[in-house]
Amino acid sequence: MKSDSVIFSWTYVPADGPKYPIGHSINFSGELVAAALAVFGIFYCMYENRARAAGKRDHRLEGLTEEQQIELGNRHPSYRYIT
């Protein structure tokens, strides 16, 4: 990505070489944030699947025609996320 090259040119400055502690710290922080968001996403999908299995999302079908129920897509109570 072009934005990566801009960020790297500001964080991996030659004056910090050869170990580049600032650049590596920023890169590592970004990786930690990405990992935390991935773990959160997994647990949220597990939570949502349990809620759907318990019938807590069945209210979404009330008053809808069969065609409208099909159009719900991933909001349909029978939809399950893969975790």
PDB file of N, CA and C in Angstrom:
ATOM      1  N   MET A   1       0.833  -1.186   0.000  1.00  0.00           N
ATOM      2  CA  MET A   1       0.000   0.000   0.000  1.00  0.00           C
ATOM      3  C   MET A   1       0.872   1.242   0.000  1.00  0.00           C
ATOM      4  N   LYS A   2       0.355   2.271  -0.596  1.00  0.00           N
ATOM      5  CA  LYS A   2       1.110   3.516  -0.622  1.00  0.00           C
ATOM      6  C   LYS A   2       1.182   4.159   0.757  1.00  0.00           C
ATOM      7  N   SER A   3       0.124   4.011   1.560  1.00  0.00           N
ATOM      8  CA  SER A   3       0.140   4.628   2.887  1.00  0.00           C
ATOM      9  C   SER A   3       1.212   3.992   3.769  1.00  0.00           C
ATOM     10  N   ASP A   4       1.497   2.680   3.554  1.00  0.00           N
ATOM     11  CA  ASP A   4       2.555   2.028   4.321  1.00  0.00           C
ATOM     12  C   ASP A   4       3.903   2.673   4.035  1.00  0.00           C
ATOM     13  N   SER A   5       4.165   2.967   2.772  1.00  0.00           N
ATOM     14  CA  SER A   5       5.459   3.549   2.439  1.00  0.00           C
ATOM     15  C   SER A   5       5.605   4.938   3.050  1.00  0.00           C
ATOM     16  N   VAL A   6       4.523   5.678   3.164  1.00  0.00           N
ATOM     17  CA  VAL A   6       4.577   7.003   3.791  1.00  0.00           C
ATOM     18  C   VAL A   6       4.861   6.855   5.283  1.00  0.00           C
ATOM     19  N   ILE A   7       4.168   5.926   5.933  1.00  0.00           N
ATOM     20  CA  ILE A   7       4.378   5.715   7.367  1.00  0.00           C
ATOM     21  C   ILE A   7       5.804   5.241   7.633  1.00  0.00           C
ATOM     22  N   PHE A   8       6.278   4.305   6.821  1.00  0.00           N
ATOM     23  CA  PHE A   8       7.623   3.780   7.043  1.00  0.00           C
ATOM     24  C   PHE A   8       8.687   4.850   6.823  1.00  0.00           C
ATOM     25  N   SER A   9       8.464   5.741   5.876  1.00  0.00           N
ATOM     26  CA  SER A   9       9.473   6.782   5.636  1.00  0.00           C
ATOM     27  C   SER A   9       9.544   7.757   6.809  1.00  0.00           C
ATOM     28  N   TRP A  10       8.489   7.863   7.595  1.00  0.00           N
ATOM     29  CA  TRP A  10       8.504   8.751   8.753  1.00  0.00           C
ATOM     30  C   TRP A  10       8.954   8.048  10.025  1.00  0.00           C
ATOM     31  N   THR A  11       8.806   6.717  10.094  1.00  0.00           N
ATOM     32  CA  THR A  11       9.140   6.013  11.330  1.00  0.00           C
ATOM     33  C   THR A  11      10.494   5.315  11.279  1.00  0.00           C
ATOM     34  N   TYR A  12      10.903   4.870  10.128  1.00  0.00           N
ATOM     35  CA  TYR A  12      12.212   4.225   9.989  1.00  0.00           C
ATOM     36  C   TYR A  12      13.207   5.237   9.426  1.00  0.00           C
ATOM     37  N   VAL A  13      13.607   6.163  10.269  1.00  0.00           N
ATOM     38  CA  VAL A  13      14.538   7.216   9.844  1.00  0.00           C
ATOM     39  C   VAL A  13      15.980   6.719   9.982  1.00  0.00           C
ATOM     40  N   PRO A  14      16.858   7.147   9.095  1.00  0.00           N
ATOM     41  CA  PRO A  14      18.250   6.680   9.132  1.00  0.00           C
ATOM     42  C   PRO A  14      18.967   6.961  10.457  1.00  0.00           C
ATOM     43  N   ALA A  15      18.582   8.009  11.155  1.00  0.00           N
ATOM     44  CA  ALA A  15      19.241   8.356  12.422  1.00  0.00           C
ATOM     45  C   ALA A  15      19.008   7.289  13.483  1.00  0.00           C
ATOM     46  N   ASP A  16      17.935   6.494  13.374  1.00  0.00           N
ATOM     47  CA  ASP A  16      17.637   5.446  14.352  1.00  0.00           C
ATOM     48  C   ASP A  16      18.329   4.123  14.027  1.00  0.00           C
ATOM     49  N   GLY A  17      18.931   4.025  12.862  1.00  0.00           N
ATOM     50  CA  GLY A  17      19.542   2.760  12.424  1.00  0.00           C
ATOM     51  C   GLY A  17      20.744   2.408  13.262  1.00  0.00           C
ATOM     52  N   PRO A  18      21.144   1.191  13.293  1.00  0.00           N
ATOM     53  CA  PRO A  18      20.634   0.060  12.507  1.00  0.00           C
ATOM     54  C   PRO A  18      19.507  -0.704  13.207  1.00  0.00           C
ATOM     55  N   LYS A  19      19.177  -0.364  14.450  1.00  0.00           N
ATOM     56  CA  LYS A  19      18.153  -1.142  15.170  1.00  0.00           C
ATOM     57  C   LYS A  19      16.739  -0.587  14.988  1.00  0.00           C
ATOM     58  N   TYR A  20      16.578   0.670  14.663  1.00  0.00           N
ATOM     59  CA  TYR A  20      15.284   1.314  14.419  1.00  0.00           C
ATOM     60  C   TYR A  20      14.250   1.033  15.515  1.00  0.00           C
ATOM     61  N   PRO A  21      14.526   1.439  16.746  1.00  0.00           N
ATOM     62  CA  PRO A  21      13.582   1.130  17.836  1.00  0.00           C
ATOM     63  C   PRO A  21      12.219   1.807  17.673  1.00  0.00           C
ATOM     64  N   ILE A  22      12.190   3.019  17.168  1.00  0.00           N
ATOM     65  CA  ILE A  22      10.904   3.703  16.997  1.00  0.00           C
ATOM     66  C   ILE A  22      10.076   3.026  15.917  1.00  0.00           C
ATOM     67  N   GLY A  23      10.673   2.738  14.797  1.00  0.00           N
ATOM     68  CA  GLY A  23       9.962   2.080  13.703  1.00  0.00           C
ATOM     69  C   GLY A  23       9.445   0.708  14.095  1.00  0.00           C
ATOM     70  N   HIS A  24      10.294  -0.064  14.759  1.00  0.00           N
ATOM     71  CA  HIS A  24       9.873  -1.397  15.188  1.00  0.00           C
ATOM     72  C   HIS A  24       8.765  -1.319  16.252  1.00  0.00           C
ATOM     73  N   SER A  25       8.856  -0.346  17.139  1.00  0.00           N
ATOM     74  CA  SER A  25       7.824  -0.193  18.176  1.00  0.00           C
ATOM     75  C   SER A  25       6.475   0.151  17.560  1.00  0.00           C
ATOM     76  N   ILE A  26       6.479   1.046  16.601  1.00  0.00           N
ATOM     77  CA  ILE A  26       5.232   1.422  15.934  1.00  0.00           C
ATOM     78  C   ILE A  26       4.673   0.236  15.155  1.00  0.00           C
ATOM     79  N   ASN A  27       5.529  -0.480  14.461  1.00  0.00           N
ATOM     80  CA  ASN A  27       5.101  -1.657  13.707  1.00  0.00           C
ATOM     81  C   ASN A  27       4.537  -2.727  14.642  1.00  0.00           C
ATOM     82  N   PHE A  28       5.205  -2.984  15.735  1.00  0.00           N
ATOM     83  CA  PHE A  28       4.747  -3.992  16.696  1.00  0.00           C
ATOM     84  C   PHE A  28       3.420  -3.584  17.324  1.00  0.00           C
ATOM     85  N   SER A  29       3.269  -2.294  17.623  1.00  0.00           N
ATOM     86  CA  SER A  29       2.004  -1.803  18.185  1.00  0.00           C
ATOM     87  C   SER A  29       0.853  -2.029  17.207  1.00  0.00           C
ATOM     88  N   GLY A  30       1.095  -1.777  15.946  1.00  0.00           N
ATOM     89  CA  GLY A  30       0.073  -2.014  14.936  1.00  0.00           C
ATOM     90  C   GLY A  30      -0.309  -3.479  14.845  1.00  0.00           C
ATOM     91  N   GLU A  31       0.679  -4.353  14.955  1.00  0.00           N
ATOM     92  CA  GLU A  31       0.401  -5.791  14.938  1.00  0.00           C
ATOM     93  C   GLU A  31      -0.407  -6.219  16.159  1.00  0.00           C
ATOM     94  N   LEU A  32      -0.106  -5.646  17.319  1.00  0.00           N
ATOM     95  CA  LEU A  32      -0.885  -5.967  18.524  1.00  0.00           C
ATOM     96  C   LEU A  32      -2.337  -5.521  18.393  1.00  0.00           C
ATOM     97  N   VAL A  33      -2.551  -4.348  17.828  1.00  0.00           N
ATOM     98  CA  VAL A  33      -3.916  -3.857  17.627  1.00  0.00           C
ATOM     99  C   VAL A  33      -4.661  -4.774  16.665  1.00  0.00           C
ATOM    100  N   ALA A  34      -4.010  -5.173  15.576  1.00  0.00           N
ATOM    101  CA  ALA A  34      -4.645  -6.068  14.606  1.00  0.00           C
ATOM    102  C   ALA A  34      -4.991  -7.412  15.245  1.00  0.00           C
ATOM    103  N   ALA A  35      -4.091  -7.949  16.060  1.00  0.00           N
ATOM    104  CA  ALA A  35      -4.350  -9.228  16.730  1.00  0.00           C
ATOM    105  C   ALA A  35      -5.507  -9.093  17.733  1.00  0.00           C
ATOM    106  N   ALA A  36      -5.538  -8.004  18.465  1.00  0.00           N
ATOM    107  CA  ALA A  36      -6.619  -7.790  19.430  1.00  0.00           C
ATOM    108  C   ALA A  36      -7.967  -7.678  18.722  1.00  0.00           C
ATOM    109  N   LEU A  37      -8.008  -6.988  17.593  1.00  0.00           N
ATOM    110  CA  LEU A  37      -9.252  -6.868  16.839  1.00  0.00           C
ATOM    111  C   LEU A  37      -9.693  -8.213  16.279  1.00  0.00           C
ATOM    112  N   ALA A  38      -8.743  -9.031  15.856  1.00  0.00           N
ATOM    113  CA  ALA A  38      -9.083 -10.366  15.350  1.00  0.00           C
ATOM    114  C   ALA A  38      -9.668 -11.233  16.460  1.00  0.00           C
ATOM    115  N   VAL A  39      -9.061 -11.207  17.636  1.00  0.00           N
ATOM    116  CA  VAL A  39      -9.569 -11.993  18.769  1.00  0.00           C
ATOM    117  C   VAL A  39     -10.952 -11.485  19.174  1.00  0.00           C
ATOM    118  N   PHE A  40     -11.139 -10.168  19.211  1.00  0.00           N
ATOM    119  CA  PHE A  40     -12.450  -9.606  19.521  1.00  0.00           C
ATOM    120  C   PHE A  40     -13.490 -10.077  18.512  1.00  0.00           C
ATOM    121  N   GLY A  41     -13.138 -10.076  17.234  1.00  0.00           N
ATOM    122  CA  GLY A  41     -14.064 -10.518  16.196  1.00  0.00           C
ATOM    123  C   GLY A  41     -14.470 -11.968  16.359  1.00  0.00           C
ATOM    124  N   ILE A  42     -13.524 -12.811  16.730  1.00  0.00           N
ATOM    125  CA  ILE A  42     -13.827 -14.230  16.943  1.00  0.00           C
ATOM    126  C   ILE A  42     -14.793 -14.396  18.111  1.00  0.00           C
ATOM    127  N   PHE A  43     -14.509 -13.726  19.222  1.00  0.00           N
ATOM    128  CA  PHE A  43     -15.387 -13.854  20.391  1.00  0.00           C
ATOM    129  C   PHE A  43     -16.765 -13.243  20.138  1.00  0.00           C
ATOM    130  N   TYR A  44     -16.821 -12.148  19.367  1.00  0.00           N
ATOM    131  CA  TYR A  44     -18.120 -11.564  19.036  1.00  0.00           C
ATOM    132  C   TYR A  44     -18.939 -12.534  18.184  1.00  0.00           C
ATOM    133  N   CYS A  45     -18.318 -13.179  17.215  1.00  0.00           N
ATOM    134  CA  CYS A  45     -19.038 -14.149  16.380  1.00  0.00           C
ATOM    135  C   CYS A  45     -19.531 -15.321  17.215  1.00  0.00           C
ATOM    136  N   MET A  46     -18.737 -15.786  18.159  1.00  0.00           N
ATOM    137  CA  MET A  46     -19.178 -16.869  19.043  1.00  0.00           C
ATOM    138  C   MET A  46     -20.368 -16.421  19.882  1.00  0.00           C
ATOM    139  N   TYR A  47     -20.302 -15.208  20.416  1.00  0.00           N
ATOM    140  CA  TYR A  47     -21.403 -14.655  21.207  1.00  0.00           C
ATOM    141  C   TYR A  47     -22.672 -14.558  20.364  1.00  0.00           C
ATOM    142  N   GLU A  48     -22.533 -14.037  19.165  1.00  0.00           N
ATOM    143  CA  GLU A  48     -23.693 -13.861  18.293  1.00  0.00           C
ATOM    144  C   GLU A  48     -24.292 -15.211  17.894  1.00  0.00           C
ATOM    145  N   ASN A  49     -23.462 -16.199  17.615  1.00  0.00           N
ATOM    146  CA  ASN A  49     -23.969 -17.535  17.281  1.00  0.00           C
ATOM    147  C   ASN A  49     -24.753 -18.132  18.450  1.00  0.00           C
ATOM    148  N   ARG A  50     -24.252 -17.947  19.682  1.00  0.00           N
ATOM    149  CA  ARG A  50     -24.968 -18.451  20.857  1.00  0.00           C
ATOM    150  C   ARG A  50     -26.318 -17.748  21.032  1.00  0.00           C
ATOM    151  N   ALA A  51     -26.332 -16.445  20.808  1.00  0.00           N
ATOM    152  CA  ALA A  51     -27.576 -15.693  20.933  1.00  0.00           C
ATOM    153  C   ALA A  51     -28.595 -16.149  19.890  1.00  0.00           C
ATOM    154  N   ARG A  52     -28.146 -16.407  18.684  1.00  0.00           N
ATOM    155  CA  ARG A  52     -29.051 -16.875  17.633  1.00  0.00           C
ATOM    156  C   ARG A  52     -29.557 -18.274  17.939  1.00  0.00           C
ATOM    157  N   ALA A  53     -28.705 -19.125  18.464  1.00  0.00           N
ATOM    158  CA  ALA A  53     -29.121 -20.489  18.810  1.00  0.00           C
ATOM    159  C   ALA A  53     -30.149 -20.474  19.941  1.00  0.00           C
ATOM    160  N   ALA A  54     -30.067 -19.497  20.836  1.00  0.00           N
ATOM    161  CA  ALA A  54     -31.009 -19.385  21.952  1.00  0.00           C
ATOM    162  C   ALA A  54     -32.303 -18.683  21.546  1.00  0.00           C
ATOM    163  N   GLY A  55     -32.400 -18.228  20.298  1.00  0.00           N
ATOM    164  CA  GLY A  55     -33.619 -17.590  19.819  1.00  0.00           C
ATOM    165  C   GLY A  55     -33.731 -16.113  20.118  1.00  0.00           C
ATOM    166  N   LYS A  56     -32.633 -15.478  20.505  1.00  0.00           N
ATOM    167  CA  LYS A  56     -32.670 -14.059  20.868  1.00  0.00           C
ATOM    168  C   LYS A  56     -32.742 -13.126  19.660  1.00  0.00           C
ATOM    169  N   ARG A  57     -32.613 -13.670  18.459  1.00  0.00           N
ATOM    170  CA  ARG A  57     -32.695 -12.841  17.251  1.00  0.00           C
ATOM    171  C   ARG A  57     -33.933 -13.172  16.418  1.00  0.00           C
ATOM    172  N   ASP A  58     -34.807 -14.017  16.943  1.00  0.00           N
ATOM    173  CA  ASP A  58     -35.997 -14.430  16.205  1.00  0.00           C
ATOM    174  C   ASP A  58     -36.981 -13.282  15.989  1.00  0.00           C
ATOM    175  N   HIS A  59     -36.925 -12.250  16.807  1.00  0.00           N
ATOM    176  CA  HIS A  59     -37.830 -11.108  16.651  1.00  0.00           C
ATOM    177  C   HIS A  59     -37.649 -10.404  15.305  1.00  0.00           C
ATOM    178  N   ARG A  60     -36.527 -10.621  14.650  1.00  0.00           N
ATOM    179  CA  ARG A  60     -36.271  -9.984  13.360  1.00  0.00           C
ATOM    180  C   ARG A  60     -37.199 -10.509  12.260  1.00  0.00           C
ATOM    181  N   LEU A  61     -37.805 -11.663  12.478  1.00  0.00           N
ATOM    182  CA  LEU A  61     -38.661 -12.276  11.467  1.00  0.00           C
ATOM    183  C   LEU A  61     -40.122 -11.847  11.586  1.00  0.00           C
ATOM    184  N   GLU A  62     -40.485 -11.228  12.680  1.00  0.00           N
ATOM    185  CA  GLU A  62     -41.879 -10.874  12.930  1.00  0.00           C
ATOM    186  C   GLU A  62     -42.388  -9.879  11.894  1.00  0.00           C
ATOM    187  N   GLY A  63     -43.511 -10.235  11.273  1.00  0.00           N
ATOM    188  CA  GLY A  63     -44.161  -9.345  10.318  1.00  0.00           C
ATOM    189  C   GLY A  63     -43.531  -9.299   8.949  1.00  0.00           C
ATOM    190  N   LEU A  64     -42.557 -10.150   8.667  1.00  0.00           N
ATOM    191  CA  LEU A  64     -41.892 -10.131   7.366  1.00  0.00           C
ATOM    192  C   LEU A  64     -42.442 -11.235   6.475  1.00  0.00           C
ATOM    193  N   THR A  65     -42.499 -10.936   5.188  1.00  0.00           N
ATOM    194  CA  THR A  65     -42.872 -11.976   4.239  1.00  0.00           C
ATOM    195  C   THR A  65     -41.673 -12.899   4.047  1.00  0.00           C
ATOM    196  N   GLU A  66     -41.905 -14.026   3.361  1.00  0.00           N
ATOM    197  CA  GLU A  66     -40.808 -14.972   3.125  1.00  0.00           C
ATOM    198  C   GLU A  66     -39.697 -14.324   2.300  1.00  0.00           C
ATOM    199  N   GLU A  67     -40.075 -13.499   1.333  1.00  0.00           N
ATOM    200  CA  GLU A  67     -39.084 -12.819   0.504  1.00  0.00           C
ATOM    201  C   GLU A  67     -38.250 -11.838   1.334  1.00  0.00           C
ATOM    202  N   GLN A  68     -38.917 -11.105   2.219  1.00  0.00           N
ATOM    203  CA  GLN A  68     -38.198 -10.167   3.086  1.00  0.00           C
ATOM    204  C   GLN A  68     -37.269 -10.902   4.044  1.00  0.00           C
ATOM    205  N   GLN A  69     -37.686 -12.081   4.505  1.00  0.00           N
ATOM    206  CA  GLN A  69     -36.828 -12.873   5.384  1.00  0.00           C
ATOM    207  C   GLN A  69     -35.575 -13.322   4.657  1.00  0.00           C
ATOM    208  N   ILE A  70     -35.709 -13.689   3.399  1.00  0.00           N
ATOM    209  CA  ILE A  70     -34.541 -14.101   2.609  1.00  0.00           C
ATOM    210  C   ILE A  70     -33.588 -12.933   2.430  1.00  0.00           C
ATOM    211  N   GLU A  71     -34.140 -11.732   2.259  1.00  0.00           N
ATOM    212  CA  GLU A  71     -33.311 -10.546   2.046  1.00  0.00           C
ATOM    213  C   GLU A  71     -32.546 -10.106   3.301  1.00  0.00           C
ATOM    214  N   LEU A  72     -32.859 -10.685   4.448  1.00  0.00           N
ATOM    215  CA  LEU A  72     -32.137 -10.336   5.679  1.00  0.00           C
ATOM    216  C   LEU A  72     -30.666 -10.725   5.605  1.00  0.00           C
ATOM    217  N   GLY A  73     -30.355 -11.745   4.820  1.00  0.00           N
ATOM    218  CA  GLY A  73     -28.963 -12.172   4.670  1.00  0.00           C
ATOM    219  C   GLY A  73     -28.353 -12.604   5.996  1.00  0.00           C
ATOM    220  N   ASN A  74     -27.222 -12.007   6.364  1.00  0.00           N
ATOM    221  CA  ASN A  74     -26.552 -12.406   7.602  1.00  0.00           C
ATOM    222  C   ASN A  74     -27.266 -11.905   8.855  1.00  0.00           C
ATOM    223  N   ARG A  75     -28.299 -11.109   8.705  1.00  0.00           N
ATOM    224  CA  ARG A  75     -29.093 -10.684   9.867  1.00  0.00           C
ATOM    225  C   ARG A  75     -30.202 -11.684  10.179  1.00  0.00           C
ATOM    226  N   HIS A  76     -30.378 -12.683   9.319  1.00  0.00           N
ATOM    227  CA  HIS A  76     -31.405 -13.714   9.545  1.00  0.00           C
ATOM    228  C   HIS A  76     -31.005 -14.548  10.764  1.00  0.00           C
ATOM    229  N   PRO A  77     -31.960 -14.878  11.637  1.00  0.00           N
ATOM    230  CA  PRO A  77     -31.646 -15.628  12.860  1.00  0.00           C
ATOM    231  C   PRO A  77     -31.020 -17.004  12.625  1.00  0.00           C
ATOM    232  N   SER A  78     -31.245 -17.607  11.474  1.00  0.00           N
ATOM    233  CA  SER A  78     -30.665 -18.930  11.225  1.00  0.00           C
ATOM    234  C   SER A  78     -29.244 -18.857  10.660  1.00  0.00           C
ATOM    235  N   TYR A  79     -28.782 -17.660  10.341  1.00  0.00           N
ATOM    236  CA  TYR A  79     -27.418 -17.493   9.829  1.00  0.00           C
ATOM    237  C   TYR A  79     -26.434 -17.696  10.965  1.00  0.00           C
ATOM    238  N   ARG A  80     -25.346 -18.407  10.688  1.00  0.00           N
ATOM    239  CA  ARG A  80     -24.294 -18.626  11.691  1.00  0.00           C
ATOM    240  C   ARG A  80     -22.951 -18.182  11.123  1.00  0.00           C
ATOM    241  N   TYR A  81     -22.179 -17.539  11.972  1.00  0.00           N
ATOM    242  CA  TYR A  81     -20.829 -17.120  11.594  1.00  0.00           C
ATOM    243  C   TYR A  81     -19.864 -18.276  11.777  1.00  0.00           C
ATOM    244  N   ILE A  82     -18.857 -18.350  10.931  1.00  0.00           N
ATOM    245  CA  ILE A  82     -17.824 -19.374  11.049  1.00  0.00           C
ATOM    246  C   ILE A  82     -16.734 -18.844  11.979  1.00  0.00           C
ATOM    247  N   THR A  83     -16.414 -19.627  13.020  1.00  0.00           N
ATOM    248  CA  THR A  83     -15.367 -19.187  13.953  1.00  0.00           C
ATOM    249  C   THR A  83     -14.279 -20.225  14.043  1.00  0.00           C
TER     250      THR A  83
END
